[in-house]
C-alpha atoms as a PDB file:
ATOM      1  CA  LEU A   1     -33.384-111.481 -26.144  1.00  0.00           C
ATOM      2  CA  ARG A   2     -35.782-109.241 -28.343  1.00  0.00           C
ATOM      3  CA  MET A   3     -37.511-112.420 -29.855  1.00  0.00           C
ATOM      4  CA  LEU A   4     -38.150-113.824 -26.230  1.00  0.00           C
ATOM      5  CA  GLN A   5     -41.868-113.786 -25.624  1.00  0.00           C
ATOM      6  CA  VAL A   6     -42.619-112.573 -22.270  1.00  0.00           C
ATOM      7  CA  LYS A   7     -45.718-112.943 -20.159  1.00  0.00           C
ATOM      8  CA  LEU A   8     -45.962-110.396 -17.498  1.00  0.00           C
ATOM      9  CA  ILE A   9     -48.470-110.831 -14.715  1.00  0.00           C
ATOM     10  CA  VAL A  10     -48.896-107.338 -12.704  1.00  0.00           C
ATOM     11  CA  THR A  11     -50.569-108.262  -9.575  1.00  0.00           C
ATOM     12  CA  GLY A  12     -51.969-105.650  -7.450  1.00  0.00           C
ATOM     13  CA  ASP A  13     -51.783-106.927  -3.892  1.00  0.00           C
ATOM     14  CA  ASP A  14     -54.121-106.092  -0.837  1.00  0.00           C
ATOM     15  CA  PHE A  15     -57.113-105.729  -2.968  1.00  0.00           C
ATOM     16  CA  GLY A  16     -60.054-105.360  -0.363  1.00  0.00           C
ATOM     17  CA  TYR A  17     -58.029-103.352   2.097  1.00  0.00           C
ATOM     18  CA  CYS A  18     -59.940-100.111   2.021  1.00  0.00           C
ATOM     19  CA  PRO A  19     -62.216 -98.437  -0.524  1.00  0.00           C
ATOM     20  CA  ARG A  20     -59.469 -96.014  -1.667  1.00  0.00           C
ATOM     21  CA  ARG A  21     -57.108 -98.924  -2.275  1.00  0.00           C
ATOM     22  CA  ASN A  22     -59.812-100.855  -4.287  1.00  0.00           C
ATOM     23  CA  GLN A  23     -60.291 -97.874  -6.404  1.00  0.00           C
ATOM     24  CA  GLY A  24     -56.676 -97.136  -7.138  1.00  0.00           C
ATOM     25  CA  ILE A  25     -56.227-100.721  -8.080  1.00  0.00           C
ATOM     26  CA  VAL A  26     -59.355-100.616 -10.469  1.00  0.00           C
ATOM     27  CA  ASP A  27     -58.050 -97.453 -12.036  1.00  0.00           C
ATOM     28  CA  CYS A  28     -54.729 -99.104 -12.725  1.00  0.00           C
ATOM     29  CA  PHE A  29     -56.480-102.246 -14.144  1.00  0.00           C
ATOM     30  CA  LEU A  30     -58.741-100.097 -16.504  1.00  0.00           C
ATOM     31  CA  ALA A  31     -55.550 -98.160 -17.597  1.00  0.00           C
ATOM     32  CA  GLY A  32     -53.929-101.601 -18.629  1.00  0.00           C
ATOM     33  CA  ALA A  33     -51.263-101.139 -15.838  1.00  0.00           C
ATOM     34  CA  VAL A  34     -52.375-104.104 -13.604  1.00  0.00           C
ATOM     35  CA  SER A  35     -53.473-107.350 -14.969  1.00  0.00           C
ATOM     36  CA  ASN A  36     -54.145-109.354 -11.928  1.00  0.00           C
ATOM     37  CA  VAL A  37     -55.205-108.782  -8.155  1.00  0.00           C
ATOM     38  CA  SER A  38     -54.829-110.653  -4.948  1.00  0.00           C
ATOM     39  CA  LEU A  39     -57.657-110.258  -2.488  1.00  0.00           C
ATOM     40  CA  LEU A  40     -57.302-110.065   1.391  1.00  0.00           C
ATOM     41  CA  VAL A  41     -60.678-111.688   2.393  1.00  0.00           C
ATOM     42  CA  ASN A  42     -60.366-110.232   5.846  1.00  0.00           C
ATOM     43  CA  GLY A  43     -59.921-106.747   4.669  1.00  0.00           C
ATOM     44  CA  SER A  44     -62.631-104.149   5.629  1.00  0.00           C
ATOM     45  CA  ALA A  45     -63.433-103.796   1.880  1.00  0.00           C
ATOM     46  CA  ALA A  46     -63.290-107.270   0.580  1.00  0.00           C
ATOM     47  CA  ALA A  47     -66.813-107.643  -0.234  1.00  0.00           C
ATOM     48  CA  ASP A  48     -66.635-104.392  -2.414  1.00  0.00           C
ATOM     49  CA  ALA A  49     -63.587-105.498  -4.068  1.00  0.00           C
ATOM     50  CA  ALA A  50     -64.919-108.935  -5.279  1.00  0.00           C
ATOM     51  CA  GLU A  51     -68.001-106.916  -6.544  1.00  0.00           C
ATOM     52  CA  LEU A  52     -65.475-104.617  -8.598  1.00  0.00           C
ATOM     53  CA  ALA A  53     -63.706-107.477  -9.678  1.00  0.00           C
ATOM     54  CA  ARG A  54     -66.817-108.956 -11.128  1.00  0.00           C
ATOM     55  CA  ARG A  55     -68.029-105.862 -12.738  1.00  0.00           C
ATOM     56  CA  TYR A  56     -64.751-105.060 -14.504  1.00  0.00           C
ATOM     57  CA  ASN A  57     -63.790-108.765 -15.025  1.00  0.00           C
ATOM     58  CA  ILE A  58     -60.549-108.415 -13.068  1.00  0.00           C
ATOM     59  CA  PRO A  59     -58.697-111.654 -12.773  1.00  0.00           C
ATOM     60  CA  ILE A  60     -58.498-112.451  -8.959  1.00  0.00           C
ATOM     61  CA  GLY A  61     -56.561-114.626  -6.621  1.00  0.00           C
ATOM     62  CA  LEU A  62     -56.259-114.941  -2.919  1.00  0.00           C
ATOM     63  CA  HIS A  63     -53.556-113.060  -0.569  1.00  0.00           C
ATOM     64  CA  ALA A  64     -53.779-115.576   2.287  1.00  0.00           C
ATOM     65  CA  ASN A  65     -53.378-113.399   5.413  1.00  0.00           C
ATOM     66  CA  LEU A  66     -52.096-114.624   8.709  1.00  0.00           C
ATOM     67  CA  SER A  67     -50.240-111.553  10.078  1.00  0.00           C
ATOM     68  CA  GLU A  68     -52.540-108.591  10.061  1.00  0.00           C
ATOM     69  CA  GLY A  69     -55.905-107.922  11.623  1.00  0.00           C
ATOM     70  CA  SER A  70     -58.481-110.648  12.413  1.00  0.00           C
ATOM     71  CA  PRO A  71     -59.058-114.169  11.232  1.00  0.00           C
ATOM     72  CA  VAL A  72     -61.966-115.123   9.266  1.00  0.00           C
ATOM     73  CA  CYS A  73     -62.475-118.624  10.700  1.00  0.00           C
ATOM     74  CA  GLU A  74     -64.926-118.079  13.571  1.00  0.00           C
ATOM     75  CA  VAL A  75     -63.817-120.681  15.970  1.00  0.00           C
ATOM     76  CA  LEU A  76     -60.178-118.829  15.777  1.00  0.00           C
ATOM     77  CA  LYS A  77     -61.444-115.383  16.713  1.00  0.00           C
ATOM     78  CA  THR A  78     -61.514-116.037  20.284  1.00  0.00           C
ATOM     79  CA  ASN A  79     -59.099-118.312  21.493  1.00  0.00           C
ATOM     80  CA  SER A  80     -56.209-119.372  19.127  1.00  0.00           C
ATOM     81  CA  SER A  81     -52.370-119.611  19.002  1.00  0.00           C
ATOM     82  CA  LEU A  82     -52.612-116.982  15.816  1.00  0.00           C
ATOM     83  CA  LEU A  83     -53.793-114.044  17.975  1.00  0.00           C
ATOM     84  CA  ASN A  84     -51.873-111.681  20.401  1.00  0.00           C
ATOM     85  CA  GLN A  85     -53.226-110.489  23.721  1.00  0.00           C
ATOM     86  CA  ASP A  86     -55.238-107.996  21.958  1.00  0.00           C
ATOM     87  CA  GLY A  87     -57.170-110.557  19.856  1.00  0.00           C
ATOM     88  CA  PHE A  88     -55.273-109.762  16.479  1.00  0.00           C
ATOM     89  CA  PHE A  89     -52.815-111.662  14.363  1.00  0.00           C
ATOM     90  CA  HIS A  90     -49.420-111.282  15.725  1.00  0.00           C
ATOM     91  CA  GLY A  91     -48.100-108.863  12.974  1.00  0.00           C
ATOM     92  CA  LYS A  92     -45.514-108.941  10.135  1.00  0.00           C
ATOM     93  CA  MET A  93     -42.675-109.627  12.568  1.00  0.00           C
ATOM     94  CA  GLY A  94     -44.707-110.784  15.532  1.00  0.00           C
ATOM     95  CA  PHE A  95     -45.912-113.830  13.549  1.00  0.00           C
ATOM     96  CA  ARG A  96     -42.109-114.617  12.707  1.00  0.00           C
ATOM     97  CA  THR A  97     -41.289-114.520  16.194  1.00  0.00           C
ATOM     98  CA  ALA A  98     -44.172-116.663  17.550  1.00  0.00           C
ATOM     99  CA  LEU A  99     -43.362-119.162  15.009  1.00  0.00           C
ATOM    100  CA  SER A 100     -39.613-119.344  15.752  1.00  0.00           C
ATOM    101  CA  LYS A 101     -40.651-119.832  19.397  1.00  0.00           C
ATOM    102  CA  GLY A 102     -42.889-122.801  18.440  1.00  0.00           C
ATOM    103  CA  LEU A 103     -45.970-120.858  19.640  1.00  0.00           C
ATOM    104  CA  LEU A 104     -48.089-121.419  16.614  1.00  0.00           C
ATOM    105  CA  ASN A 105     -50.445-124.284  16.108  1.00  0.00           C
ATOM    106  CA  MET A 106     -50.192-125.489  12.554  1.00  0.00           C
ATOM    107  CA  ALA A 107     -53.601-126.981  12.539  1.00  0.00           C
ATOM    108  CA  GLU A 108     -55.065-123.659  13.406  1.00  0.00           C
ATOM    109  CA  VAL A 109     -52.817-122.143  10.426  1.00  0.00           C
ATOM    110  CA  LYS A 110     -54.441-124.801   8.210  1.00  0.00           C
ATOM    111  CA  GLN A 111     -57.902-124.079   9.373  1.00  0.00           C
ATOM    112  CA  GLU A 112     -57.720-120.280   8.807  1.00  0.00           C
ATOM    113  CA  LEU A 113     -56.176-120.713   5.420  1.00  0.00           C
ATOM    114  CA  LYS A 114     -59.121-122.855   4.433  1.00  0.00           C
ATOM    115  CA  ALA A 115     -61.638-120.651   5.866  1.00  0.00           C
ATOM    116  CA  GLN A 116     -59.982-117.900   3.795  1.00  0.00           C
ATOM    117  CA  VAL A 117     -60.296-119.900   0.417  1.00  0.00           C
ATOM    118  CA  GLU A 118     -63.999-120.831   1.345  1.00  0.00           C
ATOM    119  CA  LEU A 119     -64.670-117.190   1.988  1.00  0.00           C
ATOM    120  CA  PHE A 120     -62.960-116.226  -1.014  1.00  0.00           C
ATOM    121  CA  ARG A 121     -65.291-118.771  -3.091  1.00  0.00           C
ATOM    122  CA  GLU A 122     -68.232-117.288  -1.340  1.00  0.00           C
ATOM    123  CA  LEU A 123     -67.294-113.700  -2.126  1.00  0.00           C
ATOM    124  CA  THR A 124     -66.315-114.224  -6.046  1.00  0.00           C
ATOM    125  CA  GLY A 125     -68.163-117.414  -6.844  1.00  0.00           C
ATOM    126  CA  HIS A 126     -65.038-119.309  -7.553  1.00  0.00           C
ATOM    127  CA  LEU A 127     -61.979-120.790  -6.199  1.00  0.00           C
ATOM    128  CA  PRO A 128     -58.692-118.615  -6.468  1.00  0.00           C
ATOM    129  CA  PRO A 129     -56.414-119.783  -9.631  1.00  0.00           C
ATOM    130  CA  HIS A 130     -53.520-118.528  -7.710  1.00  0.00           C
ATOM    131  CA  MET A 131     -52.773-117.861  -3.900  1.00  0.00           C
ATOM    132  CA  ASP A 132     -50.017-116.471  -2.320  1.00  0.00           C
ATOM    133  CA  GLY A 133     -49.156-114.800   1.342  1.00  0.00           C
ATOM    134  CA  HIS A 134     -49.691-111.445   3.003  1.00  0.00           C
ATOM    135  CA  GLN A 135     -46.151-110.403   4.056  1.00  0.00           C
ATOM    136  CA  HIS A 136     -44.843-113.491   2.454  1.00  0.00           C
ATOM    137  CA  VAL A 137     -45.806-115.731   5.404  1.00  0.00           C
ATOM    138  CA  HIS A 138     -46.560-118.760   3.118  1.00  0.00           C
ATOM    139  CA  VAL A 139     -42.793-119.469   2.583  1.00  0.00           C
ATOM    140  CA  LEU A 140     -42.098-119.602   6.184  1.00  0.00           C
ATOM    141  CA  PRO A 141     -40.963-122.914   7.833  1.00  0.00           C
ATOM    142  CA  GLU A 142     -43.645-125.233   8.767  1.00  0.00           C
ATOM    143  CA  VAL A 143     -46.437-123.009   7.282  1.00  0.00           C
ATOM    144  CA  ARG A 144     -45.081-123.784   3.952  1.00  0.00           C
ATOM    145  CA  HIS A 145     -46.021-127.210   4.294  1.00  0.00           C
ATOM    146  CA  VAL A 146     -49.681-126.508   5.498  1.00  0.00           C
ATOM    147  CA  PHE A 147     -49.962-123.791   2.902  1.00  0.00           C
ATOM    148  CA  ALA A 148     -48.780-126.492   0.133  1.00  0.00           C
ATOM    149  CA  GLU A 149     -51.343-128.874   1.586  1.00  0.00           C
ATOM    150  CA  VAL A 150     -54.195-126.414   1.208  1.00  0.00           C
ATOM    151  CA  LEU A 151     -53.555-125.598  -2.276  1.00  0.00           C
ATOM    152  CA  GLU A 152     -53.253-129.207  -3.294  1.00  0.00           C
ATOM    153  CA  GLU A 153     -56.587-130.120  -1.655  1.00  0.00           C
ATOM    154  CA  TYR A 154     -58.434-127.299  -3.437  1.00  0.00           C
ATOM    155  CA  GLY A 155     -56.543-127.943  -6.855  1.00  0.00           C
ATOM    156  CA  ILE A 156     -54.990-124.202  -6.773  1.00  0.00           C
ATOM    157  CA  LYS A 157     -52.204-124.582  -9.164  1.00  0.00           C
ATOM    158  CA  TYR A 158     -50.300-121.362  -8.802  1.00  0.00           C
ATOM    159  CA  THR A 159     -48.483-119.477  -6.229  1.00  0.00           C
ATOM    160  CA  ARG A 160     -45.611-116.903  -5.788  1.00  0.00           C
ATOM    161  CA  VAL A 161     -42.288-117.719  -4.771  1.00  0.00           C
ATOM    162  CA  PRO A 162     -40.344-114.257  -3.977  1.00  0.00           C
ATOM    163  CA  ILE A 163     -36.876-114.928  -4.979  1.00  0.00           C
ATOM    164  CA  GLU A 164     -36.016-111.747  -6.811  1.00  0.00           C
ATOM    165  CA  PRO A 165     -32.814-111.429  -9.312  1.00  0.00           C
ATOM    166  CA  GLY A 166     -30.702-108.850  -8.760  1.00  0.00           C
ATOM    167  CA  LEU A 167     -31.889-107.943  -5.124  1.00  0.00           C
ATOM    168  CA  HIS A 168     -28.449-108.083  -3.606  1.00  0.00           C
ATOM    169  CA  ASN A 169     -27.361-105.207  -5.808  1.00  0.00           C
ATOM    170  CA  CYS A 170     -30.091-103.009  -5.007  1.00  0.00           C
ATOM    171  CA  ASP A 171     -28.214-100.450  -2.680  1.00  0.00           C
ATOM    172  CA  TRP A 172     -31.078 -98.069  -2.250  1.00  0.00           C
ATOM    173  CA  ILE A 173     -32.928-100.568  -0.019  1.00  0.00           C
ATOM    174  CA  PRO A 174     -32.222 -99.645   3.632  1.00  0.00           C
ATOM    175  CA  PRO A 175     -30.160-102.283   5.556  1.00  0.00           C
ATOM    176  CA  SER A 176     -33.083-103.112   7.842  1.00  0.00           C
ATOM    177  CA  LEU A 177     -35.496-104.016   5.095  1.00  0.00           C
ATOM    178  CA  MET A 178     -32.873-105.547   3.143  1.00  0.00           C
ATOM    179  CA  ASP A 179     -32.381-107.896   6.183  1.00  0.00           C
ATOM    180  CA  PHE A 180     -36.130-108.662   5.955  1.00  0.00           C
ATOM    181  CA  TYR A 181     -36.046-109.401   2.277  1.00  0.00           C
ATOM    182  CA  LEU A 182     -32.949-111.692   2.481  1.00  0.00           C
ATOM    183  CA  GLY A 183     -34.848-113.714   5.092  1.00  0.00           C
ATOM    184  CA  VAL A 184     -37.895-113.888   2.715  1.00  0.00           C
ATOM    185  CA  GLU A 185     -35.437-115.027  -0.076  1.00  0.00           C
ATOM    186  CA  GLU A 186     -33.872-117.704   2.085  1.00  0.00           C
ATOM    187  CA  ASP A 187     -37.353-118.986   3.203  1.00  0.00           C
ATOM    188  CA  SER A 188     -38.203-119.019  -0.315  1.00  0.00           C
ATOM    189  CA  PHE A 189     -35.284-121.154  -1.436  1.00  0.00           C
ATOM    190  CA  ASN A 190     -36.200-123.506   1.436  1.00  0.00           C
ATOM    191  CA  THR A 191     -39.803-123.708  -0.165  1.00  0.00           C
ATOM    192  CA  VAL A 192     -39.126-124.627  -3.453  1.00  0.00           C
ATOM    193  CA  ASP A 193     -39.013-128.517  -3.008  1.00  0.00           C
ATOM    194  CA  VAL A 194     -42.165-128.463  -0.837  1.00  0.00           C
ATOM    195  CA  PHE A 195     -44.255-126.629  -3.420  1.00  0.00           C
ATOM    196  CA  THR A 196     -42.664-128.733  -6.442  1.00  0.00           C
ATOM    197  CA  ARG A 197     -43.491-131.881  -4.269  1.00  0.00           C
ATOM    198  CA  HIS A 198     -47.195-130.748  -4.108  1.00  0.00           C
ATOM    199  CA  GLY A 199     -47.480-129.847  -7.980  1.00  0.00           C
ATOM    200  CA  ILE A 200     -47.638-126.242  -7.326  1.00  0.00           C
ATOM    201  CA  ARG A 201     -46.418-123.936 -10.130  1.00  0.00           C
ATOM    202  CA  TRP A 202     -45.257-120.263 -10.070  1.00  0.00           C
ATOM    203  CA  PRO A 203     -43.990-117.824 -12.608  1.00  0.00           C
ATOM    204  CA  ASP A 204     -40.245-118.291 -13.767  1.00  0.00           C
ATOM    205  CA  ILE A 205     -39.356-114.766 -12.438  1.00  0.00           C
ATOM    206  CA  TYR A 206     -40.610-112.769  -9.444  1.00  0.00           C
ATOM    207  CA  ILE A 207     -40.063-109.077  -9.154  1.00  0.00           C
ATOM    208  CA  GLY A 208     -41.366-106.522  -6.418  1.00  0.00           C
ATOM    209  CA  LEU A 209     -39.123-106.199  -3.621  1.00  0.00           C
ATOM    210  CA  SER A 210     -36.736-103.695  -5.381  1.00  0.00           C
ATOM    211  CA  THR A 211     -39.697-101.690  -6.854  1.00  0.00           C
ATOM    212  CA  MET A 212     -41.739-101.059  -3.960  1.00  0.00           C
ATOM    213  CA  GLY A 213     -43.085 -97.743  -2.854  1.00  0.00           C
ATOM    214  CA  LYS A 214     -40.761 -94.756  -3.130  1.00  0.00           C
ATOM    215  CA  ASN A 215     -38.255 -96.879  -5.109  1.00  0.00           C
ATOM    216  CA  MET A 216     -40.671 -97.439  -7.934  1.00  0.00           C
ATOM    217  CA  SER A 217     -39.835 -95.827 -11.327  1.00  0.00           C
ATOM    218  CA  VAL A 218     -40.282 -96.560 -14.980  1.00  0.00           C
ATOM    219  CA  GLY A 219     -36.384 -97.158 -15.092  1.00  0.00           C
ATOM    220  CA  ASN A 220     -36.454 -99.253 -12.182  1.00  0.00           C
ATOM    221  CA  ILE A 221     -39.200-101.716 -13.488  1.00  0.00           C
ATOM    222  CA  TRP A 222     -37.179-101.781 -16.845  1.00  0.00           C
ATOM    223  CA  SER A 223     -34.127-102.751 -15.517  1.00  0.00           C
ATOM    224  CA  ALA A 224     -35.428-105.235 -12.976  1.00  0.00           C
ATOM    225  CA  ILE A 225     -37.230-106.891 -15.703  1.00  0.00           C
ATOM    226  CA  ASP A 226     -34.207-106.911 -17.979  1.00  0.00           C
ATOM    227  CA  THR A 227     -31.755-108.029 -15.335  1.00  0.00           C
ATOM    228  CA  ALA A 228     -34.227-110.899 -14.427  1.00  0.00           C
ATOM    229  CA  ILE A 229     -34.569-111.871 -18.030  1.00  0.00           C
ATOM    230  CA  VAL A 230     -30.790-111.980 -18.586  1.00  0.00           C
ATOM    231  CA  GLU A 231     -30.060-113.944 -15.671  1.00  0.00           C
ATOM    232  CA  PHE A 232     -33.130-116.499 -16.446  1.00  0.00           C
ATOM    233  CA  THR A 233     -32.018-117.027 -20.068  1.00  0.00           C
ATOM    234  CA  SER A 234     -28.321-117.481 -19.235  1.00  0.00           C
ATOM    235  CA  LYS A 235     -28.938-120.226 -16.738  1.00  0.00           C
ATOM    236  CA  ALA A 236     -28.225-123.716 -17.949  1.00  0.00           C
ATOM    237  CA  PRO A 237     -31.376-125.220 -19.194  1.00  0.00           C
ATOM    238  CA  SER A 238     -32.388-128.548 -17.839  1.00  0.00           C
ATOM    239  CA  PRO A 239     -32.290-131.269 -20.197  1.00  0.00           C
ATOM    240  CA  ALA A 240     -36.093-131.813 -19.706  1.00  0.00           C
ATOM    241  CA  LEU A 241     -37.017-128.384 -20.926  1.00  0.00           C
ATOM    242  CA  PRO A 242     -36.462-126.509 -24.135  1.00  0.00           C
ATOM    243  CA  PRO A 243     -33.743-123.898 -23.882  1.00  0.00           C
ATOM    244  CA  PRO A 244     -35.088-120.554 -22.302  1.00  0.00           C
ATOM    245  CA  GLN A 245     -34.486-118.712 -25.202  1.00  0.00           C
ATOM    246  CA  SER A 246     -36.935-120.444 -27.321  1.00  0.00           C
ATOM    247  CA  ARG A 247     -39.863-120.444 -24.879  1.00  0.00           C
ATOM    248  CA  THR A 248     -42.155-117.960 -23.183  1.00  0.00           C
ATOM    249  CA  VAL A 249     -40.928-116.600 -19.995  1.00  0.00           C
ATOM    250  CA  THR A 250     -43.276-115.941 -17.392  1.00  0.00           C
ATOM    251  CA  ILE A 251     -43.014-112.856 -14.846  1.00  0.00           C
ATOM    252  CA  GLU A 252     -44.800-111.787 -11.871  1.00  0.00           C
ATOM    253  CA  LEU A 253     -44.521-108.220 -10.920  1.00  0.00           C
ATOM    254  CA  MET A 254     -45.780-107.543  -7.424  1.00  0.00           C
ATOM    255  CA  VAL A 255     -47.177-104.001  -6.853  1.00  0.00           C
ATOM    256  CA  HIS A 256     -49.321-102.128  -4.324  1.00  0.00           C
ATOM    257  CA  PRO A 257     -50.988 -99.174  -6.024  1.00  0.00           C
ATOM    258  CA  GLY A 258     -53.905 -97.135  -4.452  1.00  0.00           C
ATOM    259  CA  TYR A 259     -55.116 -93.874  -3.278  1.00  0.00           C
ATOM    260  CA  PRO A 260     -53.548 -93.526   0.377  1.00  0.00           C
ATOM    261  CA  SER A 261     -56.146 -94.906   2.922  1.00  0.00           C
ATOM    262  CA  VAL A 262     -57.697 -92.331   5.292  1.00  0.00           C
ATOM    263  CA  PRO A 263     -58.467 -93.889   8.745  1.00  0.00           C
ATOM    264  CA  PRO A 264     -60.528 -95.199  10.200  1.00  0.00           C
ATOM    265  CA  ALA A 265     -61.592 -96.817   7.014  1.00  0.00           C
ATOM    266  CA  GLY A 266     -59.309 -99.723   5.908  1.00  0.00           C
ATOM    267  CA  GLY A 267     -57.241-102.445   7.343  1.00  0.00           C
ATOM    268  CA  CYS A 268     -58.178-105.893   8.335  1.00  0.00           C
ATOM    269  CA  GLY A 269     -59.740-105.210  11.416  1.00  0.00           C
ATOM    270  CA  GLU A 270     -57.325-102.865  13.264  1.00  0.00           C
ATOM    271  CA  GLY A 271     -57.491-100.050  10.767  1.00  0.00           C
ATOM    272  CA  PRO A 272     -54.809 -99.308   8.135  1.00  0.00           C
ATOM    273  CA  ASP A 273     -51.225 -99.375   8.487  1.00  0.00           C
ATOM    274  CA  ASP A 274     -48.729 -96.465   7.761  1.00  0.00           C
ATOM    275  CA  PHE A 275     -47.716 -97.938   4.250  1.00  0.00           C
ATOM    276  CA  SER A 276     -51.311 -97.908   3.336  1.00  0.00           C
ATOM    277  CA  GLN A 277     -51.834 -94.095   4.494  1.00  0.00           C
ATOM    278  CA  SER A 278     -48.520 -93.067   2.979  1.00  0.00           C
ATOM    279  CA  TRP A 279     -48.142 -91.230  -0.459  1.00  0.00           C
ATOM    280  CA  GLU A 280     -45.988 -94.286  -1.509  1.00  0.00           C
ATOM    281  CA  ARG A 281     -49.202 -95.952  -2.744  1.00  0.00           C
ATOM    282  CA  LEU A 282     -50.073 -93.140  -4.844  1.00  0.00           C
ATOM    283  CA  HIS A 283     -46.455 -93.093  -6.228  1.00  0.00           C
ATOM    284  CA  GLU A 284     -47.067 -96.712  -7.323  1.00  0.00           C
ATOM    285  CA  LEU A 285     -50.536 -95.897  -9.015  1.00  0.00           C
ATOM    286  CA  GLN A 286     -48.955 -92.901 -10.878  1.00  0.00           C
ATOM    287  CA  THR A 287     -45.825 -94.802 -12.061  1.00  0.00           C
ATOM    288  CA  LEU A 288     -47.720 -97.738 -13.276  1.00  0.00           C
ATOM    289  CA  ILE A 289     -50.102 -95.775 -15.578  1.00  0.00           C
ATOM    290  CA  LYS A 290     -47.286 -94.039 -17.273  1.00  0.00           C
ATOM    291  CA  PRO A 291     -47.619 -94.307 -21.294  1.00  0.00           C
ATOM    292  CA  GLU A 292     -43.898 -94.814 -21.467  1.00  0.00           C
ATOM    293  CA  LEU A 293     -43.999 -97.977 -19.160  1.00  0.00           C
ATOM    294  CA  GLN A 294     -46.855 -99.337 -21.586  1.00  0.00           C
ATOM    295  CA  SER A 295     -44.948 -98.684 -24.721  1.00  0.00           C
ATOM    296  CA  HIS A 296     -41.888-100.405 -23.053  1.00  0.00           C
ATOM    297  CA  TYR A 297     -43.843-103.593 -22.853  1.00  0.00           C
ATOM    298  CA  LYS A 298     -44.939-103.518 -26.480  1.00  0.00           C
ATOM    299  CA  THR A 299     -41.418-102.755 -27.865  1.00  0.00           C
ATOM    300  CA  ARG A 300     -39.812-105.584 -25.897  1.00  0.00           C
ATOM    301  CA  ASN A 301     -42.777-108.136 -26.823  1.00  0.00           C
ATOM    302  CA  ILE A 302     -44.008-108.212 -23.246  1.00  0.00           C
ATOM    303  CA  GLN A 303     -47.598-109.433 -22.914  1.00  0.00           C
ATOM    304  CA  LEU A 304     -49.631-108.584 -20.098  1.00  0.00           C
ATOM    305  CA  CYS A 305     -51.700-111.419 -18.451  1.00  0.00           C
ATOM    306  CA  SER A 306     -53.096-113.136 -15.530  1.00  0.00           C
ATOM    307  CA  PHE A 307     -52.432-116.568 -13.901  1.00  0.00           C
ATOM    308  CA  LYS A 308     -55.116-118.319 -15.786  1.00  0.00           C
ATOM    309  CA  ASP A 309     -53.656-117.172 -19.051  1.00  0.00           C
ATOM    310  CA  LEU A 310     -50.372-119.146 -18.393  1.00  0.00           C
END
């Protein structure tokens, strides 16, 4: 395994959420701990984030958001199936409930996704090289088809499919959260064919659910990467591909570093959520910039990169 070349994309999610999140992500990037970011275009500090990405040459993609805050499409801000009675998106679980009850209009989902791609282009001057979903909405039933159509229409090549090797063995994850993660995993399995049909690609391996927030540690990241690589290379190779051992393995590690949000600054129209105000964001930041993590990458032949380097 030591000879295996690994390309690791460390993506800082929720760029644009608030000024303190932006600062934390930039600090991680400058420390070589994050190699890619995912922008919330409806975040309260999205324009600032785009400016920082330009200034520091940070590879940036789109974190499509249908669950938190306000839509960016003008037409959908007043009267749309995507909004609750308070005029905001339905929320992480609320979105899933509304979807399962058949209350969401997929034409509006598509309209909002396209508006977010257009706003991304307006803010950054280019289309996103990769696009994923805030709170994993992009792998949900029905949404996955619309999401794939939008990526194909714009020629956006890469996305994220949150199927994490070894997730089932992570006994430190509380049952309620594990239930959510297993739902995300099942939705992801059901999305693979859809994304494949639309010519969309994603890294070989995804990591991030087991290493989030207070659960993040240097050892935890190492073992997640090692577990994933062992599982990936032991799979029977398809005849069309070279055996996994002799090629580059690509991994995306999803992270959420930042300095804790201080209300009222932050959020996507409703102010910052609890996770954003918690010490867990700072804990991620402090863990990711530890020198022993960086030196581990070097000894294991792991090269940090972004989607455009794949």
